[in-house]
């Protein structure tokens, strides 16, 4: 059975643009936390 174009347009699911942005932001944050813990740098005076 094949779906019509109208039926295909009614299907919801997957990941949206904001989901991708959130995942990328979370990965950058986690990498930054790990980097700061493993390689702490002193603040310049």
C-alpha atoms as a PDB file:
ATOM      1  CA  UNK A   1       0.000   0.000   0.000  1.00  0.00           C
ATOM      2  CA  UNK A   2       1.392   3.386  -0.978  1.00  0.00           C
ATOM      3  CA  UNK A   3       0.582   6.626   0.815  1.00  0.00           C
ATOM      4  CA  UNK A   4      -0.679   9.619  -1.061  1.00  0.00           C
ATOM      5  CA  UNK A   5       1.116  12.944  -0.829  1.00  0.00           C
ATOM      6  CA  UNK A   6      -1.619  14.282   1.472  1.00  0.00           C
ATOM      7  CA  UNK A   7      -1.206  11.311   3.799  1.00  0.00           C
ATOM      8  CA  UNK A   8       2.563  11.771   3.847  1.00  0.00           C
ATOM      9  CA  UNK A   9       2.154  15.442   4.824  1.00  0.00           C
ATOM     10  CA  UNK A  10       0.080  14.415   7.862  1.00  0.00           C
ATOM     11  CA  UNK A  11       2.822  12.250   9.356  1.00  0.00           C
ATOM     12  CA  UNK A  12       4.497  13.895  12.371  1.00  0.00           C
ATOM     13  CA  UNK A  13       7.805  12.856  13.838  1.00  0.00           C
ATOM     14  CA  UNK A  14      11.512  13.167  13.507  1.00  0.00           C
ATOM     15  CA  UNK A  15      13.641  15.939  14.890  1.00  0.00           C
ATOM     16  CA  UNK A  16      13.207  19.618  14.167  1.00  0.00           C
ATOM     17  CA  UNK A  17      15.756  22.377  13.716  1.00  0.00           C
ATOM     18  CA  UNK A  18      15.499  23.410  17.379  1.00  0.00           C
ATOM     19  CA  UNK A  19      16.213  19.839  18.427  1.00  0.00           C
ATOM     20  CA  UNK A  20      19.408  19.819  16.380  1.00  0.00           C
ATOM     21  CA  UNK A  21      20.430  23.211  17.811  1.00  0.00           C
ATOM     22  CA  UNK A  22      19.774  21.943  21.334  1.00  0.00           C
ATOM     23  CA  UNK A  23      21.801  18.777  20.824  1.00  0.00           C
ATOM     24  CA  UNK A  24      24.740  20.677  19.318  1.00  0.00           C
ATOM     25  CA  UNK A  25      24.611  23.217  22.165  1.00  0.00           C
ATOM     26  CA  UNK A  26      24.532  20.480  24.788  1.00  0.00           C
ATOM     27  CA  UNK A  27      27.513  18.713  23.213  1.00  0.00           C
ATOM     28  CA  UNK A  28      29.521  21.963  23.111  1.00  0.00           C
ATOM     29  CA  UNK A  29      28.637  22.650  26.757  1.00  0.00           C
ATOM     30  CA  UNK A  30      29.603  19.149  27.912  1.00  0.00           C
ATOM     31  CA  UNK A  31      32.895  19.269  25.997  1.00  0.00           C
ATOM     32  CA  UNK A  32      33.638  22.653  27.593  1.00  0.00           C
ATOM     33  CA  UNK A  33      32.935  21.352  31.095  1.00  0.00           C
ATOM     34  CA  UNK A  34      35.153  18.303  30.553  1.00  0.00           C
ATOM     35  CA  UNK A  35      37.915  20.466  29.047  1.00  0.00           C
ATOM     36  CA  UNK A  36      37.767  22.871  31.991  1.00  0.00           C
ATOM     37  CA  UNK A  37      37.943  20.029  34.494  1.00  0.00           C
ATOM     38  CA  UNK A  38      40.779  18.169  32.753  1.00  0.00           C
ATOM     39  CA  UNK A  39      42.805  21.244  31.716  1.00  0.00           C
ATOM     40  CA  UNK A  40      42.115  24.104  34.124  1.00  0.00           C
ATOM     41  CA  UNK A  41      43.596  27.434  33.096  1.00  0.00           C
ATOM     42  CA  UNK A  42      44.320  30.283  35.502  1.00  0.00           C
ATOM     43  CA  UNK A  43      42.536  33.569  34.920  1.00  0.00           C
ATOM     44  CA  UNK A  44      44.821  36.282  33.483  1.00  0.00           C
ATOM     45  CA  UNK A  45      45.537  39.095  35.945  1.00  0.00           C
END
